[in-house]
Amino acid sequence: MIQVEHIVKEFVSPKKYPGLKGAIKGLFSTEKVRKLAVDDISFSIDEGEIVGYIGSNGAGKSTTIKMMTGILTPTKGRCMINGGDPSKERMKNAKNIGVVFGQRTQLWWDLPLSESYTILKEIYDVSDEDYAKQMKFLNEVLDLPAFFDRPVRTLSLGQRMRADLGAALIHNPKVLYLDEPTIGLDLVVKDKIREAIRVINEKYHTTVILTTHDIGDIEELCNRIIVIDEGHKIYDGGLGELKNTYGTKRSVIMEVRSVQQAKSLDWAKILGADGSVFTVEGDEENNQLVISFDKNDLQVSDVISAAMAATEVKDIKIQETELSDIVKEIYRHRLSV
């Protein structure tokens, strides 16, 4: 459905100089500043996939999305959506895609939501039969009737996001681009939006590209993520693979009778390992002893067996690396991906 081949996007702007003299100099200068926003990115996405496209601010996410939607033309490389070039076949591409921006709306502010939908129906040339069928489905998954006749400006943020998602789906697009679709929403509304996206994907096999900083969205919806940083693709794969490869840190959290006594034991001898490959911390308030280590250095079962033989343990919990922590490390360039 989506084929991106070695796309590059370079922005060229006049060089600016400080001060009044600099402003005058800038009027006559021919010097240019080149900014490489996207640098040789390639990937393909099959029909029906839900892919998380993530990166830190300024990584190049929005620029890539704009090239895939046809707003921008790549400086180099090629981008194909459902067999067509979005920058050259704008009308065809517009009928194939839907876009939702969390901080913007495509609805008419002073019109009732129903009128906005009627206008979009005509813009996308949707037949009365198809419109009725699609609206029945959208009313079920997004619960639109509760505010369908109200002006858009009177809707709450959660209602507007559901309305915007419905607006992007009136023409039943093959590809749906979602940019921060749950930003600022409470947990209940987030769950409704996520469930709606899941149902839409299952019913119509809609291909979904999701850009978000909410790791919950990624974990709930995506089986695959693409991570970019400074215009480069640095990871493309499944969540499980990412966790197995980079989420190697484990913590064994044990409730013990005496934290001080347990912490004072010779854990290097007990675990039969060098003290540099693990840490032991005590939480006296909760009567917990926490042993953290890398699964490549120690096995969880060995740590638990040794600990239970060395001290009285009331309860045990195993904690793996959170996906949010892995992504944070990638953003900080601490992982060689």
C-alpha atoms as a PDB file:
ATOM      1  CA  MET A   1       0.000   0.000   0.000  1.00  0.00           C
ATOM      2  CA  ILE A   2       2.871   2.371   0.833  1.00  0.00           C
ATOM      3  CA  GLN A   3       6.309   2.261  -0.779  1.00  0.00           C
ATOM      4  CA  VAL A   4       8.938   4.784   0.270  1.00  0.00           C
ATOM      5  CA  GLU A   5      12.253   4.502  -1.579  1.00  0.00           C
ATOM      6  CA  HIS A   6      15.317   6.483  -0.503  1.00  0.00           C
ATOM      7  CA  ILE A   7      13.412   9.721   0.044  1.00  0.00           C
ATOM      8  CA  VAL A   8      15.376  12.862   0.875  1.00  0.00           C
ATOM      9  CA  LYS A   9      13.953  16.273   1.737  1.00  0.00           C
ATOM     10  CA  GLU A  10      16.196  19.303   1.844  1.00  0.00           C
ATOM     11  CA  PHE A  11      14.996  22.784   2.686  1.00  0.00           C
ATOM     12  CA  VAL A  12      16.953  25.769   1.348  1.00  0.00           C
ATOM     13  CA  SER A  13      16.509  29.239   2.840  1.00  0.00           C
ATOM     14  CA  PRO A  14      18.420  32.565   2.672  1.00  0.00           C
ATOM     15  CA  LYS A  15      21.078  32.965   5.329  1.00  0.00           C
ATOM     16  CA  LYS A  16      20.120  35.454   8.030  1.00  0.00           C
ATOM     17  CA  TYR A  17      22.558  37.756   9.818  1.00  0.00           C
ATOM     18  CA  PRO A  18      22.107  39.409  13.247  1.00  0.00           C
ATOM     19  CA  GLY A  19      21.303  43.067  13.789  1.00  0.00           C
ATOM     20  CA  LEU A  20      20.254  45.903  11.481  1.00  0.00           C
ATOM     21  CA  LYS A  21      23.424  45.665   9.400  1.00  0.00           C
ATOM     22  CA  GLY A  22      22.847  41.941   9.105  1.00  0.00           C
ATOM     23  CA  ALA A  23      19.296  42.509   7.884  1.00  0.00           C
ATOM     24  CA  ILE A  24      20.565  44.896   5.185  1.00  0.00           C
ATOM     25  CA  LYS A  25      23.351  42.495   4.246  1.00  0.00           C
ATOM     26  CA  GLY A  26      20.785  39.713   3.951  1.00  0.00           C
ATOM     27  CA  LEU A  27      18.928  41.676   1.265  1.00  0.00           C
ATOM     28  CA  PHE A  28      21.934  41.481  -1.047  1.00  0.00           C
ATOM     29  CA  SER A  29      23.501  38.179   0.049  1.00  0.00           C
ATOM     30  CA  THR A  30      23.163  35.071  -2.096  1.00  0.00           C
ATOM     31  CA  GLU A  31      24.273  32.717   0.676  1.00  0.00           C
ATOM     32  CA  LYS A  32      21.862  29.895   1.446  1.00  0.00           C
ATOM     33  CA  VAL A  33      21.298  27.650   4.454  1.00  0.00           C
ATOM     34  CA  ARG A  34      20.550  23.998   3.712  1.00  0.00           C
ATOM     35  CA  LYS A  35      18.591  21.893   6.180  1.00  0.00           C
ATOM     36  CA  LEU A  36      18.348  18.144   5.583  1.00  0.00           C
ATOM     37  CA  ALA A  37      15.071  17.173   7.256  1.00  0.00           C
ATOM     38  CA  VAL A  38      14.825  13.618   5.877  1.00  0.00           C
ATOM     39  CA  ASP A  39      17.904  11.709   4.785  1.00  0.00           C
ATOM     40  CA  ASP A  40      17.549   8.529   2.684  1.00  0.00           C
ATOM     41  CA  ILE A  41      14.565   6.832   4.358  1.00  0.00           C
ATOM     42  CA  SER A  42      13.059   3.667   2.858  1.00  0.00           C
ATOM     43  CA  PHE A  43      10.259   1.383   4.045  1.00  0.00           C
ATOM     44  CA  SER A  44       7.163  -0.394   2.771  1.00  0.00           C
ATOM     45  CA  ILE A  45       3.830  -0.886   4.518  1.00  0.00           C
ATOM     46  CA  ASP A  46       1.313  -3.542   3.519  1.00  0.00           C
ATOM     47  CA  GLU A  47      -2.441  -3.100   3.317  1.00  0.00           C
ATOM     48  CA  GLY A  48      -4.102  -3.363   6.713  1.00  0.00           C
ATOM     49  CA  GLU A  49      -0.997  -2.704   8.826  1.00  0.00           C
ATOM     50  CA  ILE A  50      -1.065  -0.318  11.777  1.00  0.00           C
ATOM     51  CA  VAL A  51       2.414   1.167  12.014  1.00  0.00           C
ATOM     52  CA  GLY A  52       3.735   3.533  14.660  1.00  0.00           C
ATOM     53  CA  TYR A  53       5.982   6.188  13.115  1.00  0.00           C
ATOM     54  CA  ILE A  54       7.795   7.786  16.015  1.00  0.00           C
ATOM     55  CA  GLY A  55      10.723  10.040  16.803  1.00  0.00           C
ATOM     56  CA  SER A  56      11.692  12.984  18.963  1.00  0.00           C
ATOM     57  CA  ASN A  57      10.657  16.531  18.062  1.00  0.00           C
ATOM     58  CA  GLY A  58      12.460  17.653  14.887  1.00  0.00           C
ATOM     59  CA  ALA A  59      13.320  14.084  13.857  1.00  0.00           C
ATOM     60  CA  GLY A  60      11.565  14.417  10.484  1.00  0.00           C
ATOM     61  CA  LYS A  61       8.234  12.685  11.183  1.00  0.00           C
ATOM     62  CA  SER A  62       5.968  15.461   9.945  1.00  0.00           C
ATOM     63  CA  THR A  63       8.111  16.068   6.858  1.00  0.00           C
ATOM     64  CA  THR A  64       7.861  12.386   5.920  1.00  0.00           C
ATOM     65  CA  ILE A  65       4.098  12.391   6.454  1.00  0.00           C
ATOM     66  CA  LYS A  66       3.761  15.517   4.299  1.00  0.00           C
ATOM     67  CA  MET A  67       5.622  13.771   1.481  1.00  0.00           C
ATOM     68  CA  MET A  68       3.369  10.713   1.818  1.00  0.00           C
ATOM     69  CA  THR A  69       0.249  12.871   1.709  1.00  0.00           C
ATOM     70  CA  GLY A  70       1.492  14.871  -1.293  1.00  0.00           C
ATOM     71  CA  ILE A  71       1.874  18.209   0.497  1.00  0.00           C
ATOM     72  CA  LEU A  72       5.629  18.143  -0.123  1.00  0.00           C
ATOM     73  CA  THR A  73       7.645  16.701  -3.002  1.00  0.00           C
ATOM     74  CA  PRO A  74      10.788  14.714  -2.126  1.00  0.00           C
ATOM     75  CA  THR A  75      14.101  16.334  -3.109  1.00  0.00           C
ATOM     76  CA  LYS A  76      15.278  12.841  -4.050  1.00  0.00           C
ATOM     77  CA  GLY A  77      13.735   9.399  -4.006  1.00  0.00           C
ATOM     78  CA  ARG A  78      10.215   8.204  -4.614  1.00  0.00           C
ATOM     79  CA  CYS A  79       7.057   7.820  -2.560  1.00  0.00           C
ATOM     80  CA  MET A  80       4.159   5.692  -3.838  1.00  0.00           C
ATOM     81  CA  ILE A  81       0.749   5.383  -2.164  1.00  0.00           C
ATOM     82  CA  ASN A  82      -1.539   2.650  -3.515  1.00  0.00           C
ATOM     83  CA  GLY A  83       0.431   2.637  -6.768  1.00  0.00           C
ATOM     84  CA  GLY A  84       0.368   6.412  -7.336  1.00  0.00           C
ATOM     85  CA  ASP A  85       2.703   9.322  -6.698  1.00  0.00           C
ATOM     86  CA  PRO A  86       0.920  11.575  -4.161  1.00  0.00           C
ATOM     87  CA  SER A  87       2.719  14.746  -5.287  1.00  0.00           C
ATOM     88  CA  LYS A  88       1.753  14.211  -8.957  1.00  0.00           C
ATOM     89  CA  GLU A  89      -1.695  12.635  -8.601  1.00  0.00           C
ATOM     90  CA  ARG A  90      -3.167  14.844  -5.921  1.00  0.00           C
ATOM     91  CA  MET A  91      -6.862  14.273  -6.662  1.00  0.00           C
ATOM     92  CA  LYS A  92      -6.493  10.499  -6.814  1.00  0.00           C
ATOM     93  CA  ASN A  93      -4.371  10.472  -3.668  1.00  0.00           C
ATOM     94  CA  ALA A  94      -6.822  12.675  -1.743  1.00  0.00           C
ATOM     95  CA  LYS A  95      -9.575  10.098  -2.283  1.00  0.00           C
ATOM     96  CA  ASN A  96      -7.294   7.330  -1.018  1.00  0.00           C
ATOM     97  CA  ILE A  97      -6.241   8.956   2.258  1.00  0.00           C
ATOM     98  CA  GLY A  98      -7.683  10.370   5.457  1.00  0.00           C
ATOM     99  CA  VAL A  99      -5.743  12.627   7.829  1.00  0.00           C
ATOM    100  CA  VAL A 100      -6.315  13.540  11.469  1.00  0.00           C
ATOM    101  CA  PHE A 101      -4.127  16.121  13.201  1.00  0.00           C
ATOM    102  CA  GLY A 102      -4.525  16.185  16.973  1.00  0.00           C
ATOM    103  CA  GLN A 103      -4.008  19.933  17.230  1.00  0.00           C
ATOM    104  CA  ARG A 104      -5.894  20.974  14.081  1.00  0.00           C
ATOM    105  CA  THR A 105      -9.333  20.338  12.693  1.00  0.00           C
ATOM    106  CA  GLN A 106     -10.747  19.955   9.183  1.00  0.00           C
ATOM    107  CA  LEU A 107     -14.258  20.803  10.415  1.00  0.00           C
ATOM    108  CA  TRP A 108     -16.021  24.140   9.976  1.00  0.00           C
ATOM    109  CA  TRP A 109     -15.907  25.870  13.345  1.00  0.00           C
ATOM    110  CA  ASP A 110     -19.316  27.592  13.344  1.00  0.00           C
ATOM    111  CA  LEU A 111     -21.298  24.950  11.464  1.00  0.00           C
ATOM    112  CA  PRO A 112     -23.058  21.991  13.068  1.00  0.00           C
ATOM    113  CA  LEU A 113     -21.057  18.778  12.736  1.00  0.00           C
ATOM    114  CA  SER A 114     -23.754  17.366  10.455  1.00  0.00           C
ATOM    115  CA  GLU A 115     -23.229  20.242   7.990  1.00  0.00           C
ATOM    116  CA  SER A 116     -19.448  19.735   7.974  1.00  0.00           C
ATOM    117  CA  TYR A 117     -19.971  16.082   7.139  1.00  0.00           C
ATOM    118  CA  THR A 118     -22.389  16.976   4.329  1.00  0.00           C
ATOM    119  CA  ILE A 119     -19.807  19.341   2.804  1.00  0.00           C
ATOM    120  CA  LEU A 120     -17.087  16.663   3.032  1.00  0.00           C
ATOM    121  CA  LYS A 121     -19.471  14.163   1.424  1.00  0.00           C
ATOM    122  CA  GLU A 122     -19.759  16.447  -1.604  1.00  0.00           C
ATOM    123  CA  ILE A 123     -16.033  17.231  -1.708  1.00  0.00           C
ATOM    124  CA  TYR A 124     -15.165  13.524  -1.832  1.00  0.00           C
ATOM    125  CA  ASP A 125     -18.072  12.758  -4.175  1.00  0.00           C
ATOM    126  CA  VAL A 126     -19.549  10.094  -1.876  1.00  0.00           C
ATOM    127  CA  SER A 127     -22.888   8.678  -3.044  1.00  0.00           C
ATOM    128  CA  ASP A 128     -25.962   8.939  -0.815  1.00  0.00           C
ATOM    129  CA  GLU A 129     -26.005   5.157  -0.383  1.00  0.00           C
ATOM    130  CA  ASP A 130     -22.321   4.922   0.603  1.00  0.00           C
ATOM    131  CA  TYR A 131     -22.637   7.942   2.895  1.00  0.00           C
ATOM    132  CA  ALA A 132     -25.593   6.438   4.753  1.00  0.00           C
ATOM    133  CA  LYS A 133     -23.785   3.134   5.126  1.00  0.00           C
ATOM    134  CA  GLN A 134     -20.579   4.768   6.372  1.00  0.00           C
ATOM    135  CA  MET A 135     -22.411   7.086   8.779  1.00  0.00           C
ATOM    136  CA  LYS A 136     -24.226   4.126  10.324  1.00  0.00           C
ATOM    137  CA  PHE A 137     -20.874   2.481  10.998  1.00  0.00           C
ATOM    138  CA  LEU A 138     -19.222   5.676  12.296  1.00  0.00           C
ATOM    139  CA  ASN A 139     -22.163   6.403  14.604  1.00  0.00           C
ATOM    140  CA  GLU A 140     -21.713   2.952  16.137  1.00  0.00           C
ATOM    141  CA  VAL A 141     -17.961   3.100  16.716  1.00  0.00           C
ATOM    142  CA  LEU A 142     -17.595   6.824  17.534  1.00  0.00           C
ATOM    143  CA  ASP A 143     -20.963   7.547  19.199  1.00  0.00           C
ATOM    144  CA  LEU A 144     -21.547  10.669  17.078  1.00  0.00           C
ATOM    145  CA  PRO A 145     -25.339  11.153  17.493  1.00  0.00           C
ATOM    146  CA  ALA A 146     -24.885  12.671  20.967  1.00  0.00           C
ATOM    147  CA  PHE A 147     -23.378  15.826  19.433  1.00  0.00           C
ATOM    148  CA  PHE A 148     -24.045  15.461  15.705  1.00  0.00           C
ATOM    149  CA  ASP A 149     -26.239  18.587  15.421  1.00  0.00           C
ATOM    150  CA  ARG A 150     -24.106  20.864  17.602  1.00  0.00           C
ATOM    151  CA  PRO A 151     -21.708  23.522  16.234  1.00  0.00           C
ATOM    152  CA  VAL A 152     -18.128  22.287  16.209  1.00  0.00           C
ATOM    153  CA  ARG A 153     -16.974  25.182  18.412  1.00  0.00           C
ATOM    154  CA  THR A 154     -19.200  23.877  21.263  1.00  0.00           C
ATOM    155  CA  LEU A 155     -17.668  20.389  21.295  1.00  0.00           C
ATOM    156  CA  SER A 156     -15.289  19.221  23.971  1.00  0.00           C
ATOM    157  CA  LEU A 157     -11.789  18.122  22.932  1.00  0.00           C
ATOM    158  CA  GLY A 158     -12.734  14.461  23.131  1.00  0.00           C
ATOM    159  CA  GLN A 159     -15.895  14.987  21.063  1.00  0.00           C
ATOM    160  CA  ARG A 160     -13.975  17.016  18.462  1.00  0.00           C
ATOM    161  CA  MET A 161     -11.338  14.306  18.109  1.00  0.00           C
ATOM    162  CA  ARG A 162     -14.029  11.677  17.527  1.00  0.00           C
ATOM    163  CA  ALA A 163     -15.696  14.044  15.049  1.00  0.00           C
ATOM    164  CA  ASP A 164     -12.398  14.643  13.221  1.00  0.00           C
ATOM    165  CA  LEU A 165     -11.726  10.914  13.013  1.00  0.00           C
ATOM    166  CA  GLY A 166     -15.190  10.405  11.544  1.00  0.00           C
ATOM    167  CA  ALA A 167     -14.609  13.236   9.049  1.00  0.00           C
ATOM    168  CA  ALA A 168     -11.403  11.584   7.850  1.00  0.00           C
ATOM    169  CA  LEU A 169     -13.293   8.321   7.253  1.00  0.00           C
ATOM    170  CA  ILE A 170     -16.415   9.562   5.432  1.00  0.00           C
ATOM    171  CA  HIS A 171     -14.983   8.483   2.057  1.00  0.00           C
ATOM    172  CA  ASN A 172     -13.618   5.199   3.502  1.00  0.00           C
ATOM    173  CA  PRO A 173      -9.949   5.871   2.629  1.00  0.00           C
ATOM    174  CA  LYS A 174      -7.426   3.087   2.102  1.00  0.00           C
ATOM    175  CA  VAL A 175      -4.766   4.886   4.180  1.00  0.00           C
ATOM    176  CA  LEU A 176      -5.332   6.811   7.417  1.00  0.00           C
ATOM    177  CA  TYR A 177      -2.659   9.169   8.791  1.00  0.00           C
ATOM    178  CA  LEU A 178      -3.075   9.945  12.486  1.00  0.00           C
ATOM    179  CA  ASP A 179      -0.909  12.650  14.036  1.00  0.00           C
ATOM    180  CA  GLU A 180      -1.226  12.653  17.849  1.00  0.00           C
ATOM    181  CA  PRO A 181      -4.891  11.533  17.755  1.00  0.00           C
ATOM    182  CA  THR A 182      -5.161  11.173  21.555  1.00  0.00           C
ATOM    183  CA  ILE A 183      -3.208  14.272  22.653  1.00  0.00           C
ATOM    184  CA  GLY A 184      -4.758  15.943  25.695  1.00  0.00           C
ATOM    185  CA  LEU A 185      -7.539  13.382  26.066  1.00  0.00           C
ATOM    186  CA  ASP A 186      -8.544  11.687  29.308  1.00  0.00           C
ATOM    187  CA  LEU A 187      -8.131   7.921  29.710  1.00  0.00           C
ATOM    188  CA  VAL A 188     -11.758   7.051  28.931  1.00  0.00           C
ATOM    189  CA  VAL A 189     -11.817   9.006  25.651  1.00  0.00           C
ATOM    190  CA  LYS A 190      -8.368   7.659  24.706  1.00  0.00           C
ATOM    191  CA  ASP A 191      -9.696   4.122  25.041  1.00  0.00           C
ATOM    192  CA  LYS A 192     -12.694   4.994  22.832  1.00  0.00           C
ATOM    193  CA  ILE A 193     -10.454   6.483  20.116  1.00  0.00           C
ATOM    194  CA  ARG A 194      -8.085   3.503  20.216  1.00  0.00           C
ATOM    195  CA  GLU A 195     -10.940   1.018  20.055  1.00  0.00           C
ATOM    196  CA  ALA A 196     -12.485   2.918  17.116  1.00  0.00           C
ATOM    197  CA  ILE A 197      -9.179   2.800  15.208  1.00  0.00           C
ATOM    198  CA  ARG A 198      -8.890  -0.921  15.913  1.00  0.00           C
ATOM    199  CA  VAL A 199     -12.433  -1.648  14.694  1.00  0.00           C
ATOM    200  CA  ILE A 200     -11.976   0.471  11.545  1.00  0.00           C
ATOM    201  CA  ASN A 201      -8.759  -1.386  10.735  1.00  0.00           C
ATOM    202  CA  GLU A 202     -10.376  -4.794  11.261  1.00  0.00           C
ATOM    203  CA  LYS A 203     -13.536  -4.019   9.263  1.00  0.00           C
ATOM    204  CA  TYR A 204     -12.039  -2.232   6.257  1.00  0.00           C
ATOM    205  CA  HIS A 205      -8.356  -3.337   6.430  1.00  0.00           C
ATOM    206  CA  THR A 206      -7.474   0.362   6.488  1.00  0.00           C
ATOM    207  CA  THR A 207      -3.724   0.981   6.575  1.00  0.00           C
ATOM    208  CA  VAL A 208      -2.943   3.238   9.534  1.00  0.00           C
ATOM    209  CA  ILE A 209       0.171   5.372  10.070  1.00  0.00           C
ATOM    210  CA  LEU A 210       0.277   6.626  13.641  1.00  0.00           C
ATOM    211  CA  THR A 211       2.653   9.347  14.831  1.00  0.00           C
ATOM    212  CA  THR A 212       2.502   9.862  18.566  1.00  0.00           C
ATOM    213  CA  HIS A 213       4.492  10.527  21.723  1.00  0.00           C
ATOM    214  CA  ASP A 214       2.002   8.456  23.731  1.00  0.00           C
ATOM    215  CA  ILE A 215       3.595   5.030  24.155  1.00  0.00           C
ATOM    216  CA  GLY A 216       0.177   3.724  25.221  1.00  0.00           C
ATOM    217  CA  ASP A 217      -1.116   4.321  21.682  1.00  0.00           C
ATOM    218  CA  ILE A 218       1.790   2.323  20.256  1.00  0.00           C
ATOM    219  CA  GLU A 219       1.392  -0.605  22.657  1.00  0.00           C
ATOM    220  CA  GLU A 220      -2.389  -0.749  22.245  1.00  0.00           C
ATOM    221  CA  LEU A 221      -2.557  -0.455  18.445  1.00  0.00           C
ATOM    222  CA  CYS A 222       0.727  -1.213  16.671  1.00  0.00           C
ATOM    223  CA  ASN A 223       2.504  -4.470  15.932  1.00  0.00           C
ATOM    224  CA  ARG A 224       5.292  -2.620  14.145  1.00  0.00           C
ATOM    225  CA  ILE A 225       7.108   0.641  14.740  1.00  0.00           C
ATOM    226  CA  ILE A 226       9.459   2.750  12.664  1.00  0.00           C
ATOM    227  CA  VAL A 227      11.750   5.016  14.672  1.00  0.00           C
ATOM    228  CA  ILE A 228      13.505   7.954  13.019  1.00  0.00           C
ATOM    229  CA  ASP A 229      16.042  10.379  14.435  1.00  0.00           C
ATOM    230  CA  GLU A 230      17.653  13.405  12.783  1.00  0.00           C
ATOM    231  CA  GLY A 231      16.156  12.391   9.444  1.00  0.00           C
ATOM    232  CA  HIS A 232      17.455   8.807   9.547  1.00  0.00           C
ATOM    233  CA  LYS A 233      15.544   5.580  10.065  1.00  0.00           C
ATOM    234  CA  ILE A 234      17.127   3.879  13.077  1.00  0.00           C
ATOM    235  CA  TYR A 235      14.658   1.046  13.736  1.00  0.00           C
ATOM    236  CA  ASP A 236      11.973  -0.797  11.783  1.00  0.00           C
ATOM    237  CA  GLY A 237      10.435  -3.882  13.322  1.00  0.00           C
ATOM    238  CA  GLY A 238       8.026  -5.389  15.806  1.00  0.00           C
ATOM    239  CA  LEU A 239       7.478  -4.353  19.397  1.00  0.00           C
ATOM    240  CA  GLY A 240       8.420  -7.810  20.652  1.00  0.00           C
ATOM    241  CA  GLU A 241      11.666  -7.779  18.707  1.00  0.00           C
ATOM    242  CA  LEU A 242      12.512  -4.316  20.028  1.00  0.00           C
ATOM    243  CA  LYS A 243      11.918  -5.402  23.623  1.00  0.00           C
ATOM    244  CA  ASN A 244      13.877  -8.631  23.197  1.00  0.00           C
ATOM    245  CA  THR A 245      16.825  -6.874  21.593  1.00  0.00           C
ATOM    246  CA  TYR A 246      17.031  -3.690  23.633  1.00  0.00           C
ATOM    247  CA  GLY A 247      14.821  -4.286  26.669  1.00  0.00           C
ATOM    248  CA  THR A 248      17.287  -6.609  28.352  1.00  0.00           C
ATOM    249  CA  LYS A 249      17.171  -5.010  31.801  1.00  0.00           C
ATOM    250  CA  ARG A 250      15.304  -6.972  34.469  1.00  0.00           C
ATOM    251  CA  SER A 251      14.474  -6.192  38.087  1.00  0.00           C
ATOM    252  CA  VAL A 252      13.536  -8.756  40.712  1.00  0.00           C
ATOM    253  CA  ILE A 253      11.525  -6.979  43.410  1.00  0.00           C
ATOM    254  CA  MET A 254      11.310  -8.966  46.639  1.00  0.00           C
ATOM    255  CA  GLU A 255       9.338  -8.259  49.787  1.00  0.00           C
ATOM    256  CA  VAL A 256      11.624  -9.232  52.670  1.00  0.00           C
ATOM    257  CA  ARG A 257      11.398  -9.206  56.471  1.00  0.00           C
ATOM    258  CA  SER A 258      14.435  -6.927  56.984  1.00  0.00           C
ATOM    259  CA  VAL A 259      15.608  -4.741  54.124  1.00  0.00           C
ATOM    260  CA  GLN A 260      18.796  -3.643  55.883  1.00  0.00           C
ATOM    261  CA  GLN A 261      19.826  -7.202  56.736  1.00  0.00           C
ATOM    262  CA  ALA A 262      19.079  -8.453  53.210  1.00  0.00           C
ATOM    263  CA  LYS A 263      20.924  -5.556  51.588  1.00  0.00           C
ATOM    264  CA  SER A 264      24.032  -6.127  53.725  1.00  0.00           C
ATOM    265  CA  LEU A 265      24.522  -9.681  52.409  1.00  0.00           C
ATOM    266  CA  ASP A 266      27.370 -10.485  50.020  1.00  0.00           C
ATOM    267  CA  TRP A 267      25.277 -10.597  46.856  1.00  0.00           C
ATOM    268  CA  ALA A 268      28.264 -11.056  44.538  1.00  0.00           C
ATOM    269  CA  LYS A 269      29.004 -14.324  46.334  1.00  0.00           C
ATOM    270  CA  ILE A 270      25.330 -15.324  46.549  1.00  0.00           C
ATOM    271  CA  LEU A 271      24.723 -14.729  42.831  1.00  0.00           C
ATOM    272  CA  GLY A 272      28.148 -15.954  41.774  1.00  0.00           C
ATOM    273  CA  ALA A 273      28.624 -12.864  39.622  1.00  0.00           C
ATOM    274  CA  ASP A 274      30.806  -9.788  39.466  1.00  0.00           C
ATOM    275  CA  GLY A 275      29.289  -6.870  41.358  1.00  0.00           C
ATOM    276  CA  SER A 276      29.460  -4.685  38.240  1.00  0.00           C
ATOM    277  CA  VAL A 277      26.734  -6.645  36.410  1.00  0.00           C
ATOM    278  CA  PHE A 278      23.959  -6.046  38.956  1.00  0.00           C
ATOM    279  CA  THR A 279      22.727  -3.524  41.517  1.00  0.00           C
ATOM    280  CA  VAL A 280      20.996  -4.073  44.854  1.00  0.00           C
ATOM    281  CA  GLU A 281      18.739  -1.351  46.259  1.00  0.00           C
ATOM    282  CA  GLY A 282      16.541  -1.267  49.325  1.00  0.00           C
ATOM    283  CA  ASP A 283      13.121   0.309  49.792  1.00  0.00           C
ATOM    284  CA  GLU A 284      12.542   0.267  53.564  1.00  0.00           C
ATOM    285  CA  GLU A 285       9.170   2.009  53.322  1.00  0.00           C
ATOM    286  CA  ASN A 286       7.735  -0.920  51.342  1.00  0.00           C
ATOM    287  CA  ASN A 287      10.043  -3.610  52.783  1.00  0.00           C
ATOM    288  CA  GLN A 288      11.387  -4.324  49.307  1.00  0.00           C
ATOM    289  CA  LEU A 289      14.775  -5.355  48.008  1.00  0.00           C
ATOM    290  CA  VAL A 290      15.362  -4.680  44.296  1.00  0.00           C
ATOM    291  CA  ILE A 291      18.029  -6.543  42.320  1.00  0.00           C
ATOM    292  CA  SER A 292      18.532  -5.115  38.805  1.00  0.00           C
ATOM    293  CA  PHE A 293      20.607  -6.776  36.093  1.00  0.00           C
ATOM    294  CA  ASP A 294      20.903  -7.525  32.392  1.00  0.00           C
ATOM    295  CA  LYS A 295      19.314 -10.798  31.286  1.00  0.00           C
ATOM    296  CA  ASN A 296      22.421 -11.486  29.182  1.00  0.00           C
ATOM    297  CA  ASP A 297      24.519 -11.516  32.375  1.00  0.00           C
ATOM    298  CA  LEU A 298      22.172 -13.257  34.801  1.00  0.00           C
ATOM    299  CA  GLN A 299      19.092 -15.446  34.528  1.00  0.00           C
ATOM    300  CA  VAL A 300      15.948 -14.434  36.397  1.00  0.00           C
ATOM    301  CA  SER A 301      15.439 -17.964  37.725  1.00  0.00           C
ATOM    302  CA  ASP A 302      19.002 -18.093  39.099  1.00  0.00           C
ATOM    303  CA  VAL A 303      18.588 -14.726  40.853  1.00  0.00           C
ATOM    304  CA  ILE A 304      15.300 -15.787  42.454  1.00  0.00           C
ATOM    305  CA  SER A 305      16.669 -19.185  43.588  1.00  0.00           C
ATOM    306  CA  ALA A 306      19.809 -17.643  45.101  1.00  0.00           C
ATOM    307  CA  ALA A 307      17.852 -14.876  46.830  1.00  0.00           C
ATOM    308  CA  MET A 308      15.310 -17.246  48.385  1.00  0.00           C
ATOM    309  CA  ALA A 309      18.137 -19.436  49.686  1.00  0.00           C
ATOM    310  CA  ALA A 310      19.946 -16.439  51.210  1.00  0.00           C
ATOM    311  CA  THR A 311      17.109 -14.511  52.894  1.00  0.00           C
ATOM    312  CA  GLU A 312      13.466 -14.812  53.883  1.00  0.00           C
ATOM    313  CA  VAL A 313      11.315 -13.693  50.946  1.00  0.00           C
ATOM    314  CA  LYS A 314       7.576 -13.049  51.356  1.00  0.00           C
ATOM    315  CA  ASP A 315       6.699 -12.053  47.804  1.00  0.00           C
ATOM    316  CA  ILE A 316       8.418 -11.638  44.429  1.00  0.00           C
ATOM    317  CA  LYS A 317       7.669  -9.503  41.366  1.00  0.00           C
ATOM    318  CA  ILE A 318       9.623  -9.463  38.099  1.00  0.00           C
ATOM    319  CA  GLN A 319       9.760  -6.171  36.212  1.00  0.00           C
ATOM    320  CA  GLU A 320      10.877  -5.910  32.577  1.00  0.00           C
ATOM    321  CA  THR A 321      12.044  -2.798  30.747  1.00  0.00           C
ATOM    322  CA  GLU A 322       9.108  -0.601  29.761  1.00  0.00           C
ATOM    323  CA  LEU A 323       8.729   0.268  26.076  1.00  0.00           C
ATOM    324  CA  SER A 324       8.718   3.956  27.031  1.00  0.00           C
ATOM    325  CA  ASP A 325      12.161   3.560  28.614  1.00  0.00           C
ATOM    326  CA  ILE A 326      13.532   1.825  25.506  1.00  0.00           C
ATOM    327  CA  VAL A 327      12.246   4.586  23.237  1.00  0.00           C
ATOM    328  CA  LYS A 328      13.662   7.265  25.542  1.00  0.00           C
ATOM    329  CA  GLU A 329      17.075   5.602  25.324  1.00  0.00           C
ATOM    330  CA  ILE A 330      16.844   5.526  21.529  1.00  0.00           C
ATOM    331  CA  TYR A 331      16.007   9.240  21.495  1.00  0.00           C
ATOM    332  CA  ARG A 332      19.022   9.920  23.693  1.00  0.00           C
ATOM    333  CA  HIS A 333      21.320   8.083  21.266  1.00  0.00           C
ATOM    334  CA  ARG A 334      22.411   5.636  23.920  1.00  0.00           C
ATOM    335  CA  LEU A 335      21.457   2.609  21.860  1.00  0.00           C
ATOM    336  CA  SER A 336      23.254   1.675  18.680  1.00  0.00           C
ATOM    337  CA  VAL A 337      20.213   0.619  16.687  1.00  0.00           C
END
